[in-house]
Amino acid sequence: MTASLHAMRPAVPAAAGGAPAPEVSDETGLIERPRRPSVGWVLAVGAVLLLWVLLPTSGLGPTSVAGWADQQLFRRAFEELLATGRSAASESGSVGPAYLALAKLLRRVTGVGPDAALILLNRASFVVILAGVLGASLNRAGAGVRACWPVLAALALACLATPWWLYSDIPWTHPVAAALLVVAVSSIRLGSRAPVAGGAAFGTSTLLLLQTRAFEGQALLAACALGLGLAALL
């Protein structure tokens, strides 16, 4: 059967101008177009960063860190970690150790103060979430550069229609966990093309997720186990 498919396979003329010629599948004998790198991720990151600059935030970040219960807890735990290398709130499970570690890494890279590092971590998490979801959608749709402005307009409308972006300057652990979840899920698709890189990304992001918010990390592992079980049965 395979030999007959090869015999029936149509001749493919060489592409002009040095362009890569279309490939022929060995399994089906059908002509396949050469794959081009998608610009979906570039569009997504660019669109979200532009929204970072253009869209306003609540301005409550510094106030929340100074006076709100949860944000005060994050601040005290972070300052204790910076001062002593340990945090009682982290050791008791009140604040995830990976959350504090990511804030410390961001502070070291940017040079900002403890309060600003917590706020910046939360805002950066929103960028990862939106860019990850949007980039995956654009790649799946095969969108090109012409999709940039409609996508940006739709994303801006979505951000303005909900309070999440407006209050993205208030530190929480939930957005950080959601960003790590997006990275973990995206790395599964990466693993089909680059197993080592995908596995490393999945393992690292999952471990950080477990050490940021344990419930969300356990839910991800349970979902993966369920998916693998169903795949094995089918």
Protein backbone atom coordinates (compact mmCIF):
# COMPACT_ATOMS: atom_id res chain seq x y z
CA MET A 1 0.00 0.00 0.00
CA THR A 2 2.83 2.40 0.87
CA ALA A 3 4.60 1.59 -2.40
CA SER A 4 1.46 2.32 -4.39
CA LEU A 5 1.09 5.69 -2.63
CA HIS A 6 4.66 6.57 -3.51
CA ALA A 7 4.02 5.57 -7.11
CA MET A 8 0.88 7.70 -7.29
CA ARG A 9 2.52 10.68 -5.63
CA PRO A 10 2.41 13.74 -7.90
CA ALA A 11 5.57 15.35 -9.14
CA VAL A 12 6.38 18.57 -7.32
CA PRO A 13 8.06 21.32 -9.35
CA ALA A 14 10.96 23.18 -7.82
CA ALA A 15 10.00 26.52 -6.33
CA ALA A 16 11.20 29.61 -8.13
CA GLY A 17 13.37 32.30 -6.59
CA GLY A 18 15.05 29.99 -4.09
CA ALA A 19 11.87 29.57 -2.02
CA PRO A 20 11.48 26.24 -0.22
CA ALA A 21 9.58 23.74 -2.34
CA PRO A 22 6.42 22.22 -0.89
CA GLU A 23 6.93 18.86 0.74
CA VAL A 24 5.04 15.67 0.02
CA SER A 25 3.83 13.58 2.92
CA ASP A 26 5.22 10.04 2.94
CA GLU A 27 2.05 8.79 4.60
CA THR A 28 -0.64 10.29 2.40
CA GLY A 29 1.21 11.38 -0.74
CA LEU A 30 -0.47 14.80 -0.45
CA ILE A 31 1.40 18.02 -1.04
CA GLU A 32 2.09 19.92 2.17
CA ARG A 33 3.01 23.57 2.33
CA PRO A 34 6.25 24.38 4.15
CA ARG A 35 5.65 25.57 7.67
CA ARG A 36 6.43 29.18 8.41
CA PRO A 37 7.15 30.46 11.92
CA SER A 38 3.98 32.01 13.30
CA VAL A 39 3.98 35.61 14.43
CA GLY A 40 1.19 34.96 16.91
CA TRP A 41 3.38 35.11 19.99
CA VAL A 42 5.10 38.30 18.82
CA LEU A 43 1.75 39.97 18.19
CA ALA A 44 0.42 38.81 21.54
CA VAL A 45 3.36 40.06 23.60
CA GLY A 46 3.49 43.34 21.70
CA ALA A 47 -0.25 43.92 22.11
CA VAL A 48 -0.22 43.23 25.85
CA LEU A 49 2.85 45.40 26.47
CA LEU A 50 1.18 48.22 24.55
CA LEU A 51 -1.86 47.85 26.79
CA TRP A 52 0.49 48.02 29.79
CA VAL A 53 1.56 51.46 28.64
CA LEU A 54 -1.82 52.78 27.50
CA LEU A 55 -4.39 51.44 29.94
CA PRO A 56 -4.70 52.95 33.43
CA THR A 57 -4.52 51.09 36.73
CA SER A 58 -6.24 51.80 40.02
CA GLY A 59 -3.26 53.37 41.76
CA LEU A 60 -4.16 51.41 44.90
CA GLY A 61 -1.05 49.22 44.83
CA PRO A 62 1.03 51.16 47.39
CA THR A 63 -2.03 51.74 49.58
CA SER A 64 -2.97 48.07 49.56
CA VAL A 65 0.54 46.95 50.49
CA ALA A 66 0.54 49.37 53.40
CA GLY A 67 -2.96 48.82 54.75
CA TRP A 68 -4.78 45.76 53.38
CA ALA A 69 -4.64 42.51 55.33
CA ASP A 70 -3.42 40.07 52.66
CA GLN A 71 -1.09 42.55 51.01
CA GLN A 72 0.41 43.50 54.38
CA LEU A 73 1.06 39.80 54.98
CA PHE A 74 2.85 39.52 51.62
CA ARG A 75 4.89 42.63 52.40
CA ARG A 76 5.95 41.48 55.87
CA ALA A 77 6.88 38.03 54.59
CA PHE A 78 8.90 39.51 51.73
CA GLU A 79 10.73 42.01 53.91
CA GLU A 80 11.51 39.27 56.43
CA LEU A 81 12.88 37.10 53.64
CA LEU A 82 15.08 39.93 52.37
CA ALA A 83 16.35 40.72 55.86
CA THR A 84 16.96 37.23 57.26
CA GLY A 85 16.72 34.82 54.33
CA ARG A 86 13.71 33.14 55.95
CA SER A 87 10.03 33.90 56.34
CA ALA A 88 7.78 32.61 59.10
CA ALA A 89 4.69 33.14 56.94
CA SER A 90 6.26 31.07 54.18
CA GLU A 91 7.30 28.28 56.53
CA SER A 92 3.79 28.14 58.00
CA GLY A 93 2.20 27.94 54.55
CA SER A 94 0.50 31.33 54.68
CA VAL A 95 2.55 32.65 51.75
CA GLY A 96 3.98 30.42 49.05
CA PRO A 97 7.80 30.32 49.04
CA ALA A 98 7.92 30.45 45.24
CA TYR A 99 5.84 33.64 45.29
CA LEU A 100 8.43 35.30 47.50
CA ALA A 101 11.29 33.86 45.46
CA LEU A 102 9.85 35.26 42.21
CA ALA A 103 9.38 38.67 43.83
CA LYS A 104 12.98 38.56 45.06
CA LEU A 105 14.25 37.63 41.59
CA LEU A 106 12.25 40.46 40.03
CA ARG A 107 13.58 42.92 42.61
CA ARG A 108 17.15 41.83 41.91
CA VAL A 109 16.68 42.23 38.15
CA THR A 110 14.89 45.58 38.24
CA GLY A 111 16.41 47.13 41.37
CA VAL A 112 13.04 48.35 42.67
CA GLY A 113 11.97 48.36 46.31
CA PRO A 114 10.08 45.53 48.06
CA ASP A 115 6.63 47.09 47.63
CA ALA A 116 7.24 47.90 43.97
CA ALA A 117 8.55 44.38 43.36
CA LEU A 118 5.31 42.83 44.64
CA ILE A 119 3.24 45.18 42.47
CA LEU A 120 5.44 44.57 39.42
CA LEU A 121 5.20 40.79 39.88
CA ASN A 122 1.42 41.00 39.82
CA ARG A 123 1.36 43.20 36.70
CA ALA A 124 3.90 40.98 34.93
CA SER A 125 1.70 37.98 35.72
CA PHE A 126 -1.19 39.62 33.89
CA VAL A 127 1.06 40.14 30.86
CA VAL A 128 2.03 36.46 30.85
CA ILE A 129 -1.59 35.33 31.19
CA LEU A 130 -2.96 37.53 28.42
CA ALA A 131 0.00 37.04 26.08
CA GLY A 132 -0.06 33.27 26.60
CA VAL A 133 -3.75 32.84 25.91
CA LEU A 134 -3.77 35.35 23.04
CA GLY A 135 -0.61 33.96 21.45
CA ALA A 136 -1.94 30.41 21.50
CA SER A 137 -5.21 31.59 19.92
CA LEU A 138 -3.43 33.52 17.16
CA ASN A 139 -1.11 30.61 16.39
CA ARG A 140 -4.01 28.19 16.18
CA ALA A 141 -5.86 30.53 13.84
CA GLY A 142 -2.76 31.11 11.71
CA ALA A 143 -3.16 34.86 12.08
CA GLY A 144 -0.66 37.19 10.44
CA VAL A 145 0.44 40.76 10.92
CA ARG A 146 -2.88 42.11 9.59
CA ALA A 147 -4.57 40.69 12.69
CA CYS A 148 -2.58 42.97 14.99
CA TRP A 149 -4.94 45.95 15.18
CA PRO A 150 -8.24 44.03 15.46
CA VAL A 151 -6.66 41.82 18.11
CA LEU A 152 -5.36 44.82 20.03
CA ALA A 153 -8.76 46.52 19.87
CA ALA A 154 -10.56 43.38 21.07
CA LEU A 155 -8.06 42.86 23.89
CA ALA A 156 -8.31 46.50 24.99
CA LEU A 157 -12.10 46.25 25.02
CA ALA A 158 -11.94 43.07 27.09
CA CYS A 159 -9.57 44.69 29.59
CA LEU A 160 -11.72 47.81 29.88
CA ALA A 161 -14.92 45.78 30.28
CA THR A 162 -13.64 43.94 33.35
CA PRO A 163 -12.01 45.19 36.56
CA TRP A 164 -9.09 42.77 36.44
CA TRP A 165 -6.64 44.89 34.46
CA LEU A 166 -7.59 48.06 36.36
CA TYR A 167 -6.71 46.40 39.66
CA SER A 168 -3.69 44.51 38.35
CA ASP A 169 -1.44 46.78 40.47
CA ILE A 170 -2.71 45.18 43.70
CA PRO A 171 -0.49 42.24 44.74
CA TRP A 172 -2.19 38.84 44.94
CA THR A 173 -0.92 35.28 44.62
CA HIS A 174 -3.77 34.24 42.30
CA PRO A 175 -2.50 36.00 39.14
CA VAL A 176 1.01 34.66 39.70
CA ALA A 177 -0.38 31.13 39.98
CA ALA A 178 -2.48 31.66 36.85
CA ALA A 179 0.58 32.87 34.92
CA LEU A 180 2.55 29.78 35.96
CA LEU A 181 -0.40 27.62 34.91
CA VAL A 182 -0.41 29.25 31.45
CA VAL A 183 3.34 28.59 31.12
CA ALA A 184 2.89 24.96 32.19
CA VAL A 185 0.06 24.32 29.73
CA SER A 186 1.93 26.07 26.91
CA SER A 187 5.02 23.95 27.59
CA ILE A 188 3.01 20.78 26.92
CA ARG A 189 2.58 21.87 23.30
CA LEU A 190 6.24 22.88 23.16
CA GLY A 191 7.17 19.39 24.33
CA SER A 192 5.77 17.85 21.15
CA ARG A 193 8.40 19.72 19.13
CA ALA A 194 11.23 20.11 21.64
CA PRO A 195 10.85 17.42 24.33
CA VAL A 196 13.78 18.52 26.50
CA ALA A 197 12.85 22.21 26.53
CA GLY A 198 9.15 21.46 26.95
CA GLY A 199 9.77 19.02 29.79
CA ALA A 200 12.08 21.45 31.58
CA ALA A 201 9.57 24.29 31.20
CA PHE A 202 6.68 22.13 32.39
CA GLY A 203 8.58 20.78 35.37
CA THR A 204 9.88 24.18 36.46
CA SER A 205 6.56 26.00 36.10
CA THR A 206 4.64 23.20 37.81
CA LEU A 207 7.05 23.13 40.74
CA LEU A 208 6.80 26.91 41.10
CA LEU A 209 3.01 26.65 40.90
CA LEU A 210 2.93 24.05 43.67
CA GLN A 211 5.11 26.31 45.82
CA THR A 212 2.98 29.40 45.07
CA ARG A 213 -0.52 28.01 45.53
CA ALA A 214 -0.58 24.30 46.30
CA PHE A 215 -4.22 23.71 45.36
CA GLU A 216 -3.80 25.02 41.80
CA GLY A 217 -0.65 22.96 41.35
CA GLN A 218 -2.38 19.80 42.56
CA ALA A 219 -5.31 20.51 40.23
CA LEU A 220 -2.90 20.76 37.27
CA LEU A 221 -1.25 17.44 38.14
CA ALA A 222 -4.64 15.78 38.59
CA ALA A 223 -5.78 17.09 35.20
CA CYS A 224 -2.59 15.82 33.54
CA ALA A 225 -3.00 12.41 35.17
CA LEU A 226 -6.63 12.24 34.05
CA GLY A 227 -5.71 13.25 30.52
CA LEU A 228 -2.95 10.64 30.30
CA GLY A 229 -5.31 7.98 31.66
CA LEU A 230 -7.99 8.79 29.10
CA ALA A 231 -5.41 8.88 26.32
CA ALA A 232 -4.17 5.44 27.33
CA LEU A 233 -7.69 4.02 27.33
CA LEU A 234 -8.53 5.51 23.94
